[in-house]
Amino acid sequence: MVKQIESKYAFQEALNSAGEKLVVVDFSATWCGPCKMIKPFFHSLSEKYSNVVFLEVDVDDCQVMQTVLCASLLFGRSAVSHSP
């Protein structure tokens, strides 16, 4: 199951509650063609790997996250890292 994230607070809460589980985050936008293409695959992975936390952030709906991280996929355990 993919959890929709709508705020920076909800994002941090989801990361904190994941504990030691792997977290995969899809940052996307409705106008982004490649984002639309990967969405079905991303959702199928969430069904296949129930021990992994899958999060989805629409950067247009959650604009504070847009300034923090660009449209991308992140994978991590107990931390988030990115390069500008």
PDB file of N, CA and C in Angstrom:
ATOM      1  N   MET A   1       0.838  -1.176   0.000  1.00  0.00           N
ATOM      2  CA  MET A   1       0.000   0.000   0.000  1.00  0.00           C
ATOM      3  C   MET A   1       0.891   1.250   0.000  1.00  0.00           C
ATOM      4  N   VAL A   2       0.521   2.217  -0.806  1.00  0.00           N
ATOM      5  CA  VAL A   2       1.255   3.476  -0.893  1.00  0.00           C
ATOM      6  C   VAL A   2       0.526   4.511  -0.046  1.00  0.00           C
ATOM      7  N   LYS A   3       1.260   5.157   0.834  1.00  0.00           N
ATOM      8  CA  LYS A   3       0.672   6.194   1.680  1.00  0.00           C
ATOM      9  C   LYS A   3       0.902   7.556   1.037  1.00  0.00           C
ATOM     10  N   GLN A   4      -0.186   8.315   0.871  1.00  0.00           N
ATOM     11  CA  GLN A   4      -0.108   9.668   0.323  1.00  0.00           C
ATOM     12  C   GLN A   4       0.346  10.629   1.418  1.00  0.00           C
ATOM     13  N   ILE A   5       1.346  11.418   1.126  1.00  0.00           N
ATOM     14  CA  ILE A   5       1.875  12.389   2.084  1.00  0.00           C
ATOM     15  C   ILE A   5       1.482  13.787   1.613  1.00  0.00           C
ATOM     16  N   GLU A   6       0.893  14.562   2.524  1.00  0.00           N
ATOM     17  CA  GLU A   6       0.387  15.877   2.132  1.00  0.00           C
ATOM     18  C   GLU A   6       1.019  17.039   2.900  1.00  0.00           C
ATOM     19  N   SER A   7       1.978  16.745   3.764  1.00  0.00           N
ATOM     20  CA  SER A   7       2.646  17.825   4.496  1.00  0.00           C
ATOM     21  C   SER A   7       4.032  17.369   4.929  1.00  0.00           C
ATOM     22  N   LYS A   8       4.867  18.338   5.249  1.00  0.00           N
ATOM     23  CA  LYS A   8       6.205  18.026   5.746  1.00  0.00           C
ATOM     24  C   LYS A   8       6.106  17.262   7.066  1.00  0.00           C
ATOM     25  N   TYR A   9       5.137  17.648   7.900  1.00  0.00           N
ATOM     26  CA  TYR A   9       4.924  16.969   9.179  1.00  0.00           C
ATOM     27  C   TYR A   9       4.542  15.500   8.956  1.00  0.00           C
ATOM     28  N   ALA A  10       3.610  15.250   8.032  1.00  0.00           N
ATOM     29  CA  ALA A  10       3.187  13.876   7.738  1.00  0.00           C
ATOM     30  C   ALA A  10       4.352  13.058   7.190  1.00  0.00           C
ATOM     31  N   PHE A  11       5.207  13.694   6.399  1.00  0.00           N
ATOM     32  CA  PHE A  11       6.384  13.022   5.854  1.00  0.00           C
ATOM     33  C   PHE A  11       7.314  12.589   6.982  1.00  0.00           C
ATOM     34  N   GLN A  12       7.598  13.504   7.889  1.00  0.00           N
ATOM     35  CA  GLN A  12       8.486  13.194   9.011  1.00  0.00           C
ATOM     36  C   GLN A  12       7.883  12.116   9.907  1.00  0.00           C
ATOM     37  N   GLU A  13       6.577  12.183  10.147  1.00  0.00           N
ATOM     38  CA  GLU A  13       5.898  11.171  10.957  1.00  0.00           C
ATOM     39  C   GLU A  13       5.996   9.790  10.305  1.00  0.00           C
ATOM     40  N   ALA A  14       5.804   9.737   8.996  1.00  0.00           N
ATOM     41  CA  ALA A  14       5.890   8.464   8.279  1.00  0.00           C
ATOM     42  C   ALA A  14       7.297   7.887   8.375  1.00  0.00           C
ATOM     43  N   LEU A  15       8.305   8.740   8.257  1.00  0.00           N
ATOM     44  CA  LEU A  15       9.690   8.272   8.386  1.00  0.00           C
ATOM     45  C   LEU A  15       9.970   7.771   9.798  1.00  0.00           C
ATOM     46  N   ASN A  16       9.509   8.514  10.786  1.00  0.00           N
ATOM     47  CA  ASN A  16       9.731   8.114  12.182  1.00  0.00           C
ATOM     48  C   ASN A  16       9.039   6.800  12.506  1.00  0.00           C
ATOM     49  N   SER A  17       7.819   6.626  12.021  1.00  0.00           N
ATOM     50  CA  SER A  17       7.069   5.412  12.338  1.00  0.00           C
ATOM     51  C   SER A  17       7.576   4.194  11.566  1.00  0.00           C
ATOM     52  N   ALA A  18       8.346   4.410  10.507  1.00  0.00           N
ATOM     53  CA  ALA A  18       8.889   3.294   9.725  1.00  0.00           C
ATOM     54  C   ALA A  18       9.960   2.534  10.493  1.00  0.00           C
ATOM     55  N   GLY A  19      10.583   3.183  11.463  1.00  0.00           N
ATOM     56  CA  GLY A  19      11.624   2.517  12.239  1.00  0.00           C
ATOM     57  C   GLY A  19      12.779   2.082  11.364  1.00  0.00           C
ATOM     58  N   GLU A  20      13.090   0.786  11.408  1.00  0.00           N
ATOM     59  CA  GLU A  20      14.209   0.230  10.640  1.00  0.00           C
ATOM     60  C   GLU A  20      13.800  -0.263   9.258  1.00  0.00           C
ATOM     61  N   LYS A  21      12.512  -0.135   8.911  1.00  0.00           N
ATOM     62  CA  LYS A  21      12.053  -0.594   7.597  1.00  0.00           C
ATOM     63  C   LYS A  21      12.632   0.279   6.486  1.00  0.00           C
ATOM     64  N   LEU A  22      12.800  -0.324   5.337  1.00  0.00           N
ATOM     65  CA  LEU A  22      13.191   0.413   4.145  1.00  0.00           C
ATOM     66  C   LEU A  22      12.034   1.326   3.749  1.00  0.00           C
ATOM     67  N   VAL A  23      12.336   2.570   3.407  1.00  0.00           N
ATOM     68  CA  VAL A  23      11.325   3.536   2.974  1.00  0.00           C
ATOM     69  C   VAL A  23      11.636   3.946   1.539  1.00  0.00           C
ATOM     70  N   VAL A  24      10.632   3.853   0.671  1.00  0.00           N
ATOM     71  CA  VAL A  24      10.774   4.260  -0.722  1.00  0.00           C
ATOM     72  C   VAL A  24       9.787   5.400  -0.949  1.00  0.00           C
ATOM     73  N   VAL A  25      10.291   6.536  -1.409  1.00  0.00           N
ATOM     74  CA  VAL A  25       9.454   7.723  -1.582  1.00  0.00           C
ATOM     75  C   VAL A  25       9.441   8.136  -3.048  1.00  0.00           C
ATOM     76  N   ASP A  26       8.253   8.337  -3.573  1.00  0.00           N
ATOM     77  CA  ASP A  26       8.084   8.829  -4.937  1.00  0.00           C
ATOM     78  C   ASP A  26       7.624  10.278  -4.865  1.00  0.00           C
ATOM     79  N   PHE A  27       8.487  11.201  -5.269  1.00  0.00           N
ATOM     80  CA  PHE A  27       8.135  12.619  -5.374  1.00  0.00           C
ATOM     81  C   PHE A  27       7.749  12.850  -6.825  1.00  0.00           C
ATOM     82  N   SER A  28       6.512  13.282  -7.054  1.00  0.00           N
ATOM     83  CA  SER A  28       6.045  13.420  -8.424  1.00  0.00           C
ATOM     84  C   SER A  28       5.095  14.602  -8.557  1.00  0.00           C
ATOM     85  N   ALA A  29       4.614  14.797  -9.781  1.00  0.00           N
ATOM     86  CA  ALA A  29       3.633  15.839 -10.074  1.00  0.00           C
ATOM     87  C   ALA A  29       2.685  15.302 -11.143  1.00  0.00           C
ATOM     88  N   THR A  30       1.441  15.743 -11.115  1.00  0.00           N
ATOM     89  CA  THR A  30       0.444  15.236 -12.060  1.00  0.00           C
ATOM     90  C   THR A  30       0.782  15.592 -13.505  1.00  0.00           C
ATOM     91  N   TRP A  31       1.514  16.673 -13.725  1.00  0.00           N
ATOM     92  CA  TRP A  31       1.873  17.111 -15.067  1.00  0.00           C
ATOM     93  C   TRP A  31       3.128  16.420 -15.601  1.00  0.00           C
ATOM     94  N   CYS A  32       3.792  15.631 -14.782  1.00  0.00           N
ATOM     95  CA  CYS A  32       5.068  14.994 -15.134  1.00  0.00           C
ATOM     96  C   CYS A  32       4.831  13.657 -15.843  1.00  0.00           C
ATOM     97  N   GLY A  33       5.180  13.591 -17.120  1.00  0.00           N
ATOM     98  CA  GLY A  33       4.989  12.374 -17.905  1.00  0.00           C
ATOM     99  C   GLY A  33       5.706  11.155 -17.340  1.00  0.00           C
ATOM    100  N   PRO A  34       7.012  11.238 -17.069  1.00  0.00           N
ATOM    101  CA  PRO A  34       7.715  10.093 -16.497  1.00  0.00           C
ATOM    102  C   PRO A  34       7.143   9.662 -15.139  1.00  0.00           C
ATOM    103  N   CYS A  35       6.651  10.633 -14.365  1.00  0.00           N
ATOM    104  CA  CYS A  35       6.038  10.308 -13.066  1.00  0.00           C
ATOM    105  C   CYS A  35       4.792   9.451 -13.267  1.00  0.00           C
ATOM    106  N   LYS A  36       3.991   9.802 -14.275  1.00  0.00           N
ATOM    107  CA  LYS A  36       2.776   9.034 -14.581  1.00  0.00           C
ATOM    108  C   LYS A  36       3.135   7.619 -15.026  1.00  0.00           C
ATOM    109  N   MET A  37       4.229   7.509 -15.774  1.00  0.00           N
ATOM    110  CA  MET A  37       4.631   6.200 -16.284  1.00  0.00           C
ATOM    111  C   MET A  37       5.076   5.266 -15.165  1.00  0.00           C
ATOM    112  N   ILE A  38       5.749   5.784 -14.164  1.00  0.00           N
ATOM    113  CA  ILE A  38       6.283   4.935 -13.101  1.00  0.00           C
ATOM    114  C   ILE A  38       5.241   4.599 -12.029  1.00  0.00           C
ATOM    115  N   LYS A  39       4.163   5.370 -11.944  1.00  0.00           N
ATOM    116  CA  LYS A  39       3.186   5.208 -10.869  1.00  0.00           C
ATOM    117  C   LYS A  39       2.622   3.779 -10.761  1.00  0.00           C
ATOM    118  N   PRO A  40       2.152   3.145 -11.861  1.00  0.00           N
ATOM    119  CA  PRO A  40       1.633   1.774 -11.730  1.00  0.00           C
ATOM    120  C   PRO A  40       2.694   0.790 -11.221  1.00  0.00           C
ATOM    121  N   PHE A  41       3.923   0.942 -11.686  1.00  0.00           N
ATOM    122  CA  PHE A  41       5.009   0.074 -11.238  1.00  0.00           C
ATOM    123  C   PHE A  41       5.290   0.288  -9.757  1.00  0.00           C
ATOM    124  N   PHE A  42       5.309   1.538  -9.336  1.00  0.00           N
ATOM    125  CA  PHE A  42       5.539   1.884  -7.935  1.00  0.00           C
ATOM    126  C   PHE A  42       4.468   1.248  -7.048  1.00  0.00           C
ATOM    127  N   HIS A  43       3.208   1.343  -7.476  1.00  0.00           N
ATOM    128  CA  HIS A  43       2.113   0.755  -6.699  1.00  0.00           C
ATOM    129  C   HIS A  43       2.200  -0.772  -6.681  1.00  0.00           C
ATOM    130  N   SER A  44       2.621  -1.379  -7.785  1.00  0.00           N
ATOM    131  CA  SER A  44       2.761  -2.842  -7.803  1.00  0.00           C
ATOM    132  C   SER A  44       3.881  -3.297  -6.869  1.00  0.00           C
ATOM    133  N   LEU A  45       4.943  -2.513  -6.770  1.00  0.00           N
ATOM    134  CA  LEU A  45       6.018  -2.846  -5.829  1.00  0.00           C
ATOM    135  C   LEU A  45       5.513  -2.798  -4.390  1.00  0.00           C
ATOM    136  N   SER A  46       4.634  -1.836  -4.100  1.00  0.00           N
ATOM    137  CA  SER A  46       4.108  -1.717  -2.735  1.00  0.00           C
ATOM    138  C   SER A  46       3.264  -2.929  -2.360  1.00  0.00           C
ATOM    139  N   GLU A  47       2.606  -3.539  -3.331  1.00  0.00           N
ATOM    140  CA  GLU A  47       1.822  -4.751  -3.072  1.00  0.00           C
ATOM    141  C   GLU A  47       2.735  -5.963  -2.911  1.00  0.00           C
ATOM    142  N   LYS A  48       3.813  -5.985  -3.664  1.00  0.00           N
ATOM    143  CA  LYS A  48       4.740  -7.120  -3.635  1.00  0.00           C
ATOM    144  C   LYS A  48       5.597  -7.135  -2.371  1.00  0.00           C
ATOM    145  N   TYR A  49       6.014  -5.961  -1.899  1.00  0.00           N
ATOM    146  CA  TYR A  49       6.919  -5.859  -0.754  1.00  0.00           C
ATOM    147  C   TYR A  49       6.211  -5.197   0.425  1.00  0.00           C
ATOM    148  N   SER A  50       5.433  -5.979   1.140  1.00  0.00           N
ATOM    149  CA  SER A  50       4.641  -5.442   2.254  1.00  0.00           C
ATOM    150  C   SER A  50       5.508  -5.046   3.448  1.00  0.00           C
ATOM    151  N   ASN A  51       6.749  -5.495   3.481  1.00  0.00           N
ATOM    152  CA  ASN A  51       7.653  -5.145   4.586  1.00  0.00           C
ATOM    153  C   ASN A  51       8.401  -3.830   4.334  1.00  0.00           C
ATOM    154  N   VAL A  52       8.097  -3.168   3.221  1.00  0.00           N
ATOM    155  CA  VAL A  52       8.717  -1.899   2.853  1.00  0.00           C
ATOM    156  C   VAL A  52       7.649  -0.809   2.932  1.00  0.00           C
ATOM    157  N   VAL A  53       8.029   0.377   3.383  1.00  0.00           N
ATOM    158  CA  VAL A  53       7.107   1.510   3.460  1.00  0.00           C
ATOM    159  C   VAL A  53       7.217   2.319   2.168  1.00  0.00           C
ATOM    160  N   PHE A  54       6.105   2.473   1.472  1.00  0.00           N
ATOM    161  CA  PHE A  54       6.054   3.237   0.228  1.00  0.00           C
ATOM    162  C   PHE A  54       5.273   4.523   0.463  1.00  0.00           C
ATOM    163  N   LEU A  55       5.899   5.647   0.148  1.00  0.00           N
ATOM    164  CA  LEU A  55       5.279   6.956   0.323  1.00  0.00           C
ATOM    165  C   LEU A  55       5.230   7.668  -1.022  1.00  0.00           C
ATOM    166  N   GLU A  56       4.172   8.438  -1.209  1.00  0.00           N
ATOM    167  CA  GLU A  56       4.012   9.202  -2.440  1.00  0.00           C
ATOM    168  C   GLU A  56       3.725  10.656  -2.083  1.00  0.00           C
ATOM    169  N   VAL A  57       4.497  11.568  -2.665  1.00  0.00           N
ATOM    170  CA  VAL A  57       4.342  12.995  -2.406  1.00  0.00           C
ATOM    171  C   VAL A  57       4.117  13.710  -3.733  1.00  0.00           C
ATOM    172  N   ASP A  58       2.974  14.370  -3.869  1.00  0.00           N
ATOM    173  CA  ASP A  58       2.724  15.225  -5.032  1.00  0.00           C
ATOM    174  C   ASP A  58       3.314  16.589  -4.695  1.00  0.00           C
ATOM    175  N   VAL A  59       4.355  16.971  -5.398  1.00  0.00           N
ATOM    176  CA  VAL A  59       5.064  18.205  -5.048  1.00  0.00           C
ATOM    177  C   VAL A  59       4.236  19.456  -5.306  1.00  0.00           C
ATOM    178  N   ASP A  60       3.197  19.347  -6.127  1.00  0.00           N
ATOM    179  CA  ASP A  60       2.303  20.486  -6.331  1.00  0.00           C
ATOM    180  C   ASP A  60       1.336  20.645  -5.163  1.00  0.00           C
ATOM    181  N   ASP A  61       0.885  19.520  -4.600  1.00  0.00           N
ATOM    182  CA  ASP A  61      -0.025  19.560  -3.451  1.00  0.00           C
ATOM    183  C   ASP A  61       0.708  19.860  -2.157  1.00  0.00           C
ATOM    184  N   CYS A  62       1.954  19.472  -2.091  1.00  0.00           N
ATOM    185  CA  CYS A  62       2.760  19.662  -0.883  1.00  0.00           C
ATOM    186  C   CYS A  62       3.978  20.499  -1.263  1.00  0.00           C
ATOM    187  N   GLN A  63       3.748  21.772  -1.523  1.00  0.00           N
ATOM    188  CA  GLN A  63       4.800  22.621  -2.083  1.00  0.00           C
ATOM    189  C   GLN A  63       5.988  22.823  -1.160  1.00  0.00           C
ATOM    190  N   VAL A  64       5.791  22.699   0.145  1.00  0.00           N
ATOM    191  CA  VAL A  64       6.934  22.836   1.056  1.00  0.00           C
ATOM    192  C   VAL A  64       7.953  21.728   0.781  1.00  0.00           C
ATOM    193  N   MET A  65       7.476  20.545   0.395  1.00  0.00           N
ATOM    194  CA  MET A  65       8.383  19.445   0.079  1.00  0.00           C
ATOM    195  C   MET A  65       9.101  19.701  -1.244  1.00  0.00           C
ATOM    196  N   GLN A  66       8.460  20.444  -2.132  1.00  0.00           N
ATOM    197  CA  GLN A  66       9.073  20.759  -3.417  1.00  0.00           C
ATOM    198  C   GLN A  66      10.350  21.562  -3.220  1.00  0.00           C
ATOM    199  N   THR A  67      10.362  22.421  -2.229  1.00  0.00           N
ATOM    200  CA  THR A  67      11.560  23.218  -1.980  1.00  0.00           C
ATOM    201  C   THR A  67      12.641  22.429  -1.260  1.00  0.00           C
ATOM    202  N   VAL A  68      12.229  21.342  -0.606  1.00  0.00           N
ATOM    203  CA  VAL A  68      13.182  20.515   0.131  1.00  0.00           C
ATOM    204  C   VAL A  68      13.825  19.487  -0.788  1.00  0.00           C
ATOM    205  N   LEU A  69      13.011  18.808  -1.592  1.00  0.00           N
ATOM    206  CA  LEU A  69      13.502  17.739  -2.453  1.00  0.00           C
ATOM    207  C   LEU A  69      12.867  17.857  -3.829  1.00  0.00           C
ATOM    208  N   CYS A  70      13.635  17.624  -4.877  1.00  0.00           N
ATOM    209  CA  CYS A  70      13.098  17.692  -6.228  1.00  0.00           C
ATOM    210  C   CYS A  70      12.390  16.388  -6.578  1.00  0.00           C
ATOM    211  N   ALA A  71      11.679  16.369  -7.704  1.00  0.00           N
ATOM    212  CA  ALA A  71      10.945  15.181  -8.137  1.00  0.00           C
ATOM    213  C   ALA A  71      11.917  14.024  -8.359  1.00  0.00           C
ATOM    214  N   SER A  72      11.740  12.966  -7.581  1.00  0.00           N
ATOM    215  CA  SER A  72      12.661  11.840  -7.650  1.00  0.00           C
ATOM    216  C   SER A  72      12.142  10.695  -6.802  1.00  0.00           C
ATOM    217  N   LEU A  73      12.882   9.616  -6.788  1.00  0.00           N
ATOM    218  CA  LEU A  73      12.622   8.493  -5.893  1.00  0.00           C
ATOM    219  C   LEU A  73      13.729   8.455  -4.858  1.00  0.00           C
ATOM    220  N   LEU A  74      13.370   8.217  -3.623  1.00  0.00           N
ATOM    221  CA  LEU A  74      14.365   8.082  -2.561  1.00  0.00           C
ATOM    222  C   LEU A  74      14.197   6.733  -1.894  1.00  0.00           C
ATOM    223  N   PHE A  75      15.301   6.114  -1.568  1.00  0.00           N
ATOM    224  CA  PHE A  75      15.304   4.858  -0.840  1.00  0.00           C
ATOM    225  C   PHE A  75      16.156   5.063   0.401  1.00  0.00           C
ATOM    226  N   GLY A  76      15.710   4.596   1.547  1.00  0.00           N
ATOM    227  CA  GLY A  76      16.534   4.770   2.734  1.00  0.00           C
ATOM    228  C   GLY A  76      16.013   4.013   3.930  1.00  0.00           C
ATOM    229  N   ARG A  77      16.866   3.879   4.910  1.00  0.00           N
ATOM    230  CA  ARG A  77      16.514   3.261   6.187  1.00  0.00           C
ATOM    231  C   ARG A  77      16.876   4.235   7.283  1.00  0.00           C
ATOM    232  N   SER A  78      15.890   4.633   8.042  1.00  0.00           N
ATOM    233  CA  SER A  78      16.081   5.487   9.222  1.00  0.00           C
ATOM    234  C   SER A  78      16.694   6.852   8.921  1.00  0.00           C
ATOM    235  N   ALA A  79      16.778   7.229   7.671  1.00  0.00           N
ATOM    236  CA  ALA A  79      17.330   8.542   7.330  1.00  0.00           C
ATOM    237  C   ALA A  79      16.979   8.874   5.890  1.00  0.00           C
ATOM    238  N   VAL A  80      16.991  10.131   5.585  1.00  0.00           N
ATOM    239  CA  VAL A  80      16.778  10.572   4.211  1.00  0.00           C
ATOM    240  C   VAL A  80      18.001  11.358   3.794  1.00  0.00           C
ATOM    241  N   SER A  81      18.513  11.016   2.647  1.00  0.00           N
ATOM    242  CA  SER A  81      19.640  11.789   2.138  1.00  0.00           C
ATOM    243  C   SER A  81      19.369  12.118   0.684  1.00  0.00           C
ATOM    244  N   HIS A  82      19.859  13.226   0.256  1.00  0.00           N
ATOM    245  CA  HIS A  82      19.726  13.628  -1.136  1.00  0.00           C
ATOM    246  C   HIS A  82      20.873  14.558  -1.476  1.00  0.00           C
ATOM    247  N   SER A  83      21.103  14.682  -2.759  1.00  0.00           N
ATOM    248  CA  SER A  83      22.127  15.627  -3.190  1.00  0.00           C
ATOM    249  C   SER A  83      21.453  16.706  -4.018  1.00  0.00           C
ATOM    250  N   PRO A  84      21.823  17.962  -3.798  1.00  0.00           N
ATOM    251  CA  PRO A  84      21.178  19.081  -4.499  1.00  0.00           C
ATOM    252  C   PRO A  84      21.443  19.073  -5.988  1.00  0.00           C
TER     253      PRO A  84
END
